[in-house]
């Protein structure tokens, strides 16, 4: 049994692979490999290569982790897509307004 509750996870500023592994009941290395291979939809892994070594950084999104554990990850992904589309629509409206203003200045 996990020592973390849903509320504990959601209250965390940073969820590590160790915490996520404990919460899901799997090995932390399985979390790392799942994130690296984009098979675990709870966050993402970023690889930074330097001249002498290769390091990975892991970013786990608490809301996705909780949703994944309860089989609701699709709902969370859809909500994220909706938020992104709303943001894109706002930015497009701003760009359109700016373009119209520029075109009006050109005509004057």
C-alpha atoms as a PDB file:
ATOM      1  CA  UNK A   1       0.000   0.000   0.000  1.00  0.00           C
ATOM      2  CA  UNK A   2       1.258   3.467  -0.904  1.00  0.00           C
ATOM      3  CA  UNK A   3       2.260   5.839   1.835  1.00  0.00           C
ATOM      4  CA  UNK A   4       0.972   8.726  -0.312  1.00  0.00           C
ATOM      5  CA  UNK A   5      -2.663   9.688  -0.786  1.00  0.00           C
ATOM      6  CA  UNK A   6      -4.093  11.460  -3.810  1.00  0.00           C
ATOM      7  CA  UNK A   7      -4.199  14.658  -1.760  1.00  0.00           C
ATOM      8  CA  UNK A   8      -0.532  14.249  -0.773  1.00  0.00           C
ATOM      9  CA  UNK A   9       0.488  13.913  -4.413  1.00  0.00           C
ATOM     10  CA  UNK A  10      -1.607  16.879  -5.555  1.00  0.00           C
ATOM     11  CA  UNK A  11      -0.148  19.063  -2.787  1.00  0.00           C
ATOM     12  CA  UNK A  12       3.472  18.350  -3.761  1.00  0.00           C
ATOM     13  CA  UNK A  13       5.521  20.982  -5.566  1.00  0.00           C
ATOM     14  CA  UNK A  14       7.674  18.275  -7.153  1.00  0.00           C
ATOM     15  CA  UNK A  15       6.872  14.595  -7.586  1.00  0.00           C
ATOM     16  CA  UNK A  16       9.986  12.449  -7.951  1.00  0.00           C
ATOM     17  CA  UNK A  17      10.233   9.099  -9.707  1.00  0.00           C
ATOM     18  CA  UNK A  18      10.638   7.477  -6.289  1.00  0.00           C
ATOM     19  CA  UNK A  19       7.410   9.033  -5.011  1.00  0.00           C
ATOM     20  CA  UNK A  20       5.546   8.166  -8.236  1.00  0.00           C
ATOM     21  CA  UNK A  21       6.826   4.596  -8.075  1.00  0.00           C
ATOM     22  CA  UNK A  22       5.704   4.196  -4.480  1.00  0.00           C
ATOM     23  CA  UNK A  23       2.329   5.763  -5.269  1.00  0.00           C
ATOM     24  CA  UNK A  24       1.766   3.465  -8.261  1.00  0.00           C
ATOM     25  CA  UNK A  25       3.276   0.409  -6.589  1.00  0.00           C
ATOM     26  CA  UNK A  26       6.050   0.010  -9.156  1.00  0.00           C
ATOM     27  CA  UNK A  27       9.810   0.343  -9.161  1.00  0.00           C
ATOM     28  CA  UNK A  28      11.114   3.925  -9.630  1.00  0.00           C
ATOM     29  CA  UNK A  29      13.259   2.667 -12.510  1.00  0.00           C
ATOM     30  CA  UNK A  30      10.073   1.519 -14.263  1.00  0.00           C
ATOM     31  CA  UNK A  31       8.769   5.081 -13.907  1.00  0.00           C
ATOM     32  CA  UNK A  32      11.994   6.471 -15.406  1.00  0.00           C
ATOM     33  CA  UNK A  33      11.961   4.030 -18.328  1.00  0.00           C
ATOM     34  CA  UNK A  34       8.245   4.625 -18.920  1.00  0.00           C
ATOM     35  CA  UNK A  35       8.808   8.378 -19.071  1.00  0.00           C
ATOM     36  CA  UNK A  36      11.890   8.067 -21.293  1.00  0.00           C
ATOM     37  CA  UNK A  37      10.046   5.852 -23.772  1.00  0.00           C
ATOM     38  CA  UNK A  38       6.847   7.937 -23.618  1.00  0.00           C
ATOM     39  CA  UNK A  39       4.901   4.913 -22.385  1.00  0.00           C
ATOM     40  CA  UNK A  40       3.841   6.366 -19.041  1.00  0.00           C
ATOM     41  CA  UNK A  41       1.566   9.393 -19.612  1.00  0.00           C
ATOM     42  CA  UNK A  42       2.201  11.056 -16.257  1.00  0.00           C
ATOM     43  CA  UNK A  43       4.847  13.535 -17.395  1.00  0.00           C
ATOM     44  CA  UNK A  44       7.954  13.573 -19.527  1.00  0.00           C
ATOM     45  CA  UNK A  45      11.699  12.979 -19.529  1.00  0.00           C
ATOM     46  CA  UNK A  46      14.284  15.306 -21.007  1.00  0.00           C
ATOM     47  CA  UNK A  47      17.762  14.173 -21.965  1.00  0.00           C
ATOM     48  CA  UNK A  48      20.623  16.613 -21.834  1.00  0.00           C
ATOM     49  CA  UNK A  49      23.817  15.617 -23.522  1.00  0.00           C
ATOM     50  CA  UNK A  50      27.104  17.171 -22.666  1.00  0.00           C
ATOM     51  CA  UNK A  51      30.474  16.396 -24.064  1.00  0.00           C
ATOM     52  CA  UNK A  52      31.227  13.828 -21.390  1.00  0.00           C
ATOM     53  CA  UNK A  53      27.895  12.499 -20.178  1.00  0.00           C
ATOM     54  CA  UNK A  54      24.195  12.120 -20.786  1.00  0.00           C
ATOM     55  CA  UNK A  55      21.705  13.012 -18.051  1.00  0.00           C
ATOM     56  CA  UNK A  56      17.959  12.697 -17.770  1.00  0.00           C
ATOM     57  CA  UNK A  57      15.545  15.013 -15.983  1.00  0.00           C
ATOM     58  CA  UNK A  58      12.056  13.809 -15.125  1.00  0.00           C
ATOM     59  CA  UNK A  59       8.969  15.989 -14.835  1.00  0.00           C
ATOM     60  CA  UNK A  60       5.919  14.342 -13.332  1.00  0.00           C
ATOM     61  CA  UNK A  61       2.604  16.184 -13.388  1.00  0.00           C
ATOM     62  CA  UNK A  62       0.716  15.427 -10.186  1.00  0.00           C
ATOM     63  CA  UNK A  63      -2.754  15.671 -11.753  1.00  0.00           C
ATOM     64  CA  UNK A  64      -1.793  13.219 -14.484  1.00  0.00           C
ATOM     65  CA  UNK A  65      -0.266  10.822 -11.970  1.00  0.00           C
ATOM     66  CA  UNK A  66      -3.450  10.708  -9.885  1.00  0.00           C
ATOM     67  CA  UNK A  67      -5.647  10.411 -12.985  1.00  0.00           C
ATOM     68  CA  UNK A  68      -3.456   7.600 -14.341  1.00  0.00           C
ATOM     69  CA  UNK A  69      -3.691   5.663 -11.097  1.00  0.00           C
ATOM     70  CA  UNK A  70      -7.488   5.881 -11.208  1.00  0.00           C
ATOM     71  CA  UNK A  71      -7.767   5.128 -14.935  1.00  0.00           C
ATOM     72  CA  UNK A  72      -8.887   8.663 -15.848  1.00  0.00           C
ATOM     73  CA  UNK A  73      -5.840   9.846 -17.796  1.00  0.00           C
ATOM     74  CA  UNK A  74      -7.831  10.419 -20.997  1.00  0.00           C
ATOM     75  CA  UNK A  75     -10.075  12.921 -19.174  1.00  0.00           C
ATOM     76  CA  UNK A  76      -7.045  14.868 -17.964  1.00  0.00           C
ATOM     77  CA  UNK A  77      -5.476  14.855 -21.421  1.00  0.00           C
ATOM     78  CA  UNK A  78      -8.711  16.108 -22.997  1.00  0.00           C
ATOM     79  CA  UNK A  79      -8.964  18.910 -20.431  1.00  0.00           C
ATOM     80  CA  UNK A  80      -5.374  19.871 -21.241  1.00  0.00           C
ATOM     81  CA  UNK A  81      -6.125  19.912 -24.955  1.00  0.00           C
ATOM     82  CA  UNK A  82      -9.179  22.106 -24.344  1.00  0.00           C
ATOM     83  CA  UNK A  83      -7.097  24.570 -22.299  1.00  0.00           C
ATOM     84  CA  UNK A  84      -4.441  24.659 -25.008  1.00  0.00           C
ATOM     85  CA  UNK A  85      -7.028  25.273 -27.728  1.00  0.00           C
ATOM     86  CA  UNK A  86      -8.556  28.116 -25.713  1.00  0.00           C
ATOM     87  CA  UNK A  87      -5.098  29.662 -25.312  1.00  0.00           C
ATOM     88  CA  UNK A  88      -4.405  29.301 -29.038  1.00  0.00           C
ATOM     89  CA  UNK A  89      -7.754  30.929 -29.859  1.00  0.00           C
ATOM     90  CA  UNK A  90      -6.953  33.888 -27.555  1.00  0.00           C
ATOM     91  CA  UNK A  91      -3.503  34.307 -29.076  1.00  0.00           C
ATOM     92  CA  UNK A  92      -4.944  34.108 -32.586  1.00  0.00           C
ATOM     93  CA  UNK A  93      -7.505  36.797 -31.736  1.00  0.00           C
ATOM     94  CA  UNK A  94      -4.693  39.012 -30.413  1.00  0.00           C
ATOM     95  CA  UNK A  95      -2.645  38.447 -33.579  1.00  0.00           C
ATOM     96  CA  UNK A  96      -5.675  39.207 -35.737  1.00  0.00           C
ATOM     97  CA  UNK A  97      -6.315  42.455 -33.842  1.00  0.00           C
ATOM     98  CA  UNK A  98      -2.665  43.491 -34.207  1.00  0.00           C
ATOM     99  CA  UNK A  99      -2.688  42.698 -37.918  1.00  0.00           C
ATOM    100  CA  UNK A 100      -5.846  44.720 -38.490  1.00  0.00           C
ATOM    101  CA  UNK A 101      -4.289  47.678 -36.658  1.00  0.00           C
ATOM    102  CA  UNK A 102      -1.137  47.435 -38.774  1.00  0.00           C
ATOM    103  CA  UNK A 103      -3.125  47.260 -41.986  1.00  0.00           C
ATOM    104  CA  UNK A 104      -5.180  50.303 -40.983  1.00  0.00           C
ATOM    105  CA  UNK A 105      -1.993  52.281 -40.336  1.00  0.00           C
ATOM    106  CA  UNK A 106      -0.704  51.274 -43.767  1.00  0.00           C
ATOM    107  CA  UNK A 107      -3.902  52.589 -45.425  1.00  0.00           C
ATOM    108  CA  UNK A 108      -3.749  55.958 -43.668  1.00  0.00           C
END
